[in-house]
Amino acid sequence: MKVKALFLTAFAALSISQASAEVEILYHMQEGNYVTYTVIERSKKLFILDDDDNTKFEIKNYKKSGNVETFTIECSDNSLNEKSSANITITLDANGHTSKIQYKKSNFFSNGTFDVQTVDTDNPREHNRRIRYFNGLTGNPTEQGVVAEKGAPGVGQSGDSKNPADKVKGAAKDATKKLKGLFNKKK
């Protein structure tokens, strides 16, 4: 019985870690206009710039307090052949999506603060192309996070009202129930 419980716990933990991996595109807005975008993949601790090389930064010193995340990004492999870094503060909305980003001690984005949209509502087809590309680049399932092209969700929404954490918990519960069903089948 203990082995069964241990196996179920390990399976649930594995399911949760796999289901929570998700690329989030951060469309930087200034005075209501789109400026650029960056990409964050929190579970793999990656931050990617929209540049010719899609420069990948490692997320270090990550801390979360309430709806505010702070971390440092560092990269020593870029086109300038010098170490780049920045301190970043992200503010999350009620759904857990990024709504504001601030760069400090940075040699890019002019140490500015930007409002953020996480879905390109003007061009959902292009948004989906980017999601698929960055999912592939980070090793995630390519269709994860794709939005419907008709009636795309608004700013900071993923298409349904559930919190991403609730989706993960629900997926883990379903997987655990299926696994329990396999063990409880009568012969």
Protein backbone atom coordinates (compact mmCIF):
# COMPACT_ATOMS: atom_id res chain seq x y z
CA MET A 1 0.00 0.00 0.00
CA LYS A 2 2.86 2.41 0.82
CA VAL A 3 4.46 1.75 -2.58
CA LYS A 4 1.14 2.53 -4.28
CA ALA A 5 0.80 5.85 -2.40
CA LEU A 6 4.41 6.76 -3.14
CA PHE A 7 3.91 5.99 -6.83
CA LEU A 8 0.74 8.09 -6.98
CA THR A 9 2.47 11.02 -5.26
CA ALA A 10 5.42 10.86 -7.66
CA PHE A 11 3.12 10.64 -10.67
CA ALA A 12 1.04 13.63 -9.50
CA ALA A 13 4.17 15.71 -8.91
CA LEU A 14 5.47 14.82 -12.37
CA SER A 15 2.12 15.70 -13.94
CA ILE A 16 2.02 19.06 -12.17
CA SER A 17 5.56 20.01 -13.20
CA GLN A 18 4.91 19.09 -16.83
CA ALA A 19 1.54 20.81 -17.01
CA SER A 20 2.78 24.04 -15.45
CA ALA A 21 5.51 24.65 -18.03
CA GLU A 22 4.21 27.48 -20.17
CA VAL A 23 5.56 30.19 -22.40
CA GLU A 24 4.10 33.65 -21.80
CA ILE A 25 4.64 36.35 -24.41
CA LEU A 26 4.89 39.81 -22.86
CA TYR A 27 3.78 42.43 -25.38
CA HIS A 28 5.26 45.73 -24.15
CA MET A 29 2.85 48.64 -24.52
CA GLN A 30 3.64 52.33 -24.23
CA GLU A 31 0.84 54.90 -24.32
CA GLY A 32 -1.48 52.19 -25.65
CA ASN A 33 0.82 51.25 -28.54
CA TYR A 34 2.72 48.01 -29.06
CA VAL A 35 6.50 48.55 -28.76
CA THR A 36 8.13 45.11 -28.65
CA TYR A 37 7.80 41.80 -26.85
CA THR A 38 9.79 39.46 -24.65
CA VAL A 39 9.08 35.88 -23.62
CA ILE A 40 9.19 34.31 -20.17
CA GLU A 41 9.19 30.61 -19.32
CA ARG A 42 9.11 30.55 -15.52
CA SER A 43 9.45 26.82 -14.89
CA LYS A 44 12.62 26.61 -17.00
CA LYS A 45 13.87 29.97 -15.73
CA LEU A 46 14.23 31.52 -19.20
CA PHE A 47 13.68 35.07 -20.41
CA ILE A 48 14.00 35.62 -24.17
CA LEU A 49 14.39 38.92 -26.03
CA ASP A 50 12.79 39.78 -29.35
CA ASP A 51 16.05 40.31 -31.21
CA ASP A 52 17.72 38.74 -34.23
CA ASP A 53 19.23 35.97 -32.10
CA ASN A 54 16.30 35.48 -29.69
CA THR A 55 18.84 35.95 -26.92
CA LYS A 56 18.08 33.69 -23.96
CA PHE A 57 18.68 34.93 -20.44
CA GLU A 58 18.73 32.79 -17.32
CA ILE A 59 16.41 33.92 -14.55
CA LYS A 60 18.27 34.16 -11.24
CA ASN A 61 17.32 35.24 -7.72
CA TYR A 62 13.60 34.75 -8.42
CA LYS A 63 11.29 35.93 -5.63
CA LYS A 64 7.52 36.24 -5.54
CA SER A 65 5.57 38.25 -3.00
CA GLY A 66 1.82 38.50 -3.58
CA ASN A 67 1.30 39.61 -7.15
CA VAL A 68 4.89 40.89 -7.64
CA GLU A 69 7.79 38.87 -9.03
CA THR A 70 11.37 40.11 -8.92
CA PHE A 71 14.40 38.51 -10.51
CA THR A 72 17.66 39.14 -12.33
CA ILE A 73 18.32 38.00 -15.87
CA GLU A 74 21.84 37.18 -17.04
CA CYS A 75 23.34 36.15 -20.35
CA SER A 76 26.95 35.76 -21.41
CA ASP A 77 26.18 34.40 -24.88
CA ASN A 78 24.97 37.23 -27.10
CA SER A 79 25.97 39.06 -30.24
CA LEU A 80 27.95 41.68 -28.26
CA ASN A 81 30.13 38.97 -26.68
CA GLU A 82 29.75 40.59 -23.29
CA LYS A 83 27.73 39.71 -20.22
CA SER A 84 24.30 41.34 -20.15
CA SER A 85 21.99 41.54 -17.19
CA ALA A 86 19.00 43.40 -15.81
CA ASN A 87 16.86 43.50 -12.71
CA ILE A 88 13.19 42.95 -13.52
CA THR A 89 10.00 43.50 -11.56
CA ILE A 90 6.78 41.97 -12.89
CA THR A 91 3.30 42.75 -11.61
CA LEU A 92 0.64 40.07 -12.13
CA ASP A 93 -3.08 40.57 -12.62
CA ALA A 94 -5.81 38.67 -10.75
CA ASN A 95 -5.53 35.75 -13.24
CA GLY A 96 -1.79 35.36 -12.67
CA HIS A 97 -0.76 36.89 -16.01
CA THR A 98 1.82 39.64 -16.35
CA SER A 99 0.28 43.13 -16.51
CA LYS A 100 3.35 45.36 -15.97
CA ILE A 101 7.10 44.96 -16.36
CA GLN A 102 9.89 47.23 -15.12
CA TYR A 103 13.58 47.03 -16.13
CA LYS A 104 16.30 48.31 -13.80
CA LYS A 105 20.10 48.38 -14.23
CA SER A 106 19.54 47.34 -17.82
CA ASN A 107 21.32 48.15 -21.06
CA PHE A 108 18.10 47.60 -22.98
CA PHE A 109 14.55 49.03 -22.83
CA SER A 110 15.97 52.28 -21.37
CA ASN A 111 15.38 51.05 -17.82
CA GLY A 112 11.69 51.66 -18.49
CA THR A 113 8.34 50.45 -17.24
CA PHE A 114 5.79 49.03 -19.67
CA ASP A 115 2.19 47.90 -19.47
CA VAL A 116 1.95 44.33 -20.74
CA GLN A 117 -0.56 42.36 -22.76
CA THR A 118 -0.13 38.60 -22.89
CA VAL A 119 -2.23 38.03 -26.02
CA ASP A 120 -2.01 39.97 -29.29
CA THR A 121 -5.75 40.56 -29.76
CA ASP A 122 -5.17 42.49 -33.00
CA ASN A 123 -3.41 39.57 -34.65
CA PRO A 124 -4.11 36.23 -32.93
CA ARG A 125 -2.66 34.29 -35.88
CA GLU A 126 0.73 35.97 -35.39
CA HIS A 127 0.45 35.48 -31.63
CA ASN A 128 -0.11 31.73 -32.17
CA ARG A 129 2.85 31.56 -34.57
CA ARG A 130 5.07 33.11 -31.87
CA ILE A 131 3.66 30.83 -29.14
CA ARG A 132 4.38 27.75 -31.25
CA TYR A 133 7.89 28.96 -32.09
CA PHE A 134 8.87 29.76 -28.50
CA ASN A 135 7.24 26.57 -27.17
CA GLY A 136 9.43 24.64 -29.58
CA LEU A 137 12.49 26.69 -28.62
CA THR A 138 11.96 25.98 -24.91
CA GLY A 139 10.98 22.32 -25.33
CA ASN A 140 7.28 22.69 -24.47
CA PRO A 141 4.36 21.20 -26.46
CA THR A 142 3.94 23.52 -29.44
CA GLU A 143 0.15 23.92 -29.12
CA GLN A 144 0.27 24.89 -25.44
CA GLY A 145 -1.10 28.41 -24.94
CA VAL A 146 -2.51 28.82 -28.47
CA VAL A 147 -5.63 31.04 -28.53
CA ALA A 148 -8.73 30.82 -30.69
CA GLU A 149 -8.32 33.02 -33.74
CA LYS A 150 -11.95 34.15 -33.76
CA GLY A 151 -12.93 36.12 -30.67
CA ALA A 152 -9.45 35.97 -29.17
CA PRO A 153 -9.41 36.58 -25.41
CA GLY A 154 -8.63 40.04 -24.10
CA VAL A 155 -5.62 41.41 -22.30
CA GLY A 156 -4.12 38.99 -19.82
CA GLN A 157 -6.63 36.22 -20.47
CA SER A 158 -5.92 32.73 -21.68
CA GLY A 159 -9.30 31.94 -23.17
CA ASP A 160 -11.17 30.74 -20.12
CA SER A 161 -11.79 32.11 -16.69
CA LYS A 162 -9.87 29.46 -14.76
CA ASN A 163 -6.65 30.40 -13.08
CA PRO A 164 -3.66 28.50 -14.61
CA ALA A 165 -2.91 26.98 -11.19
CA ASP A 166 -6.48 25.61 -11.04
CA LYS A 167 -6.00 24.04 -14.50
CA VAL A 168 -2.83 22.31 -13.33
CA LYS A 169 -4.47 21.05 -10.16
CA GLY A 170 -7.43 19.77 -12.18
CA ALA A 171 -5.16 17.97 -14.66
CA ALA A 172 -3.20 16.38 -11.82
CA LYS A 173 -6.44 15.28 -10.10
CA ASP A 174 -7.72 13.72 -13.34
CA ALA A 175 -4.45 11.88 -13.89
CA THR A 176 -4.43 10.63 -10.31
CA LYS A 177 -8.03 9.38 -10.61
CA LYS A 178 -7.18 7.52 -13.81
CA LEU A 179 -4.14 5.95 -12.18
CA LYS A 180 -6.15 4.95 -9.10
CA GLY A 181 -8.71 3.38 -11.42
CA LEU A 182 -6.02 1.19 -12.93
CA PHE A 183 -4.94 -0.09 -9.51
CA ASN A 184 -8.48 -0.62 -8.25
CA LYS A 185 -9.74 -2.69 -11.20
CA LYS A 186 -11.00 -6.06 -10.09
CA LYS A 187 -9.64 -9.13 -11.82
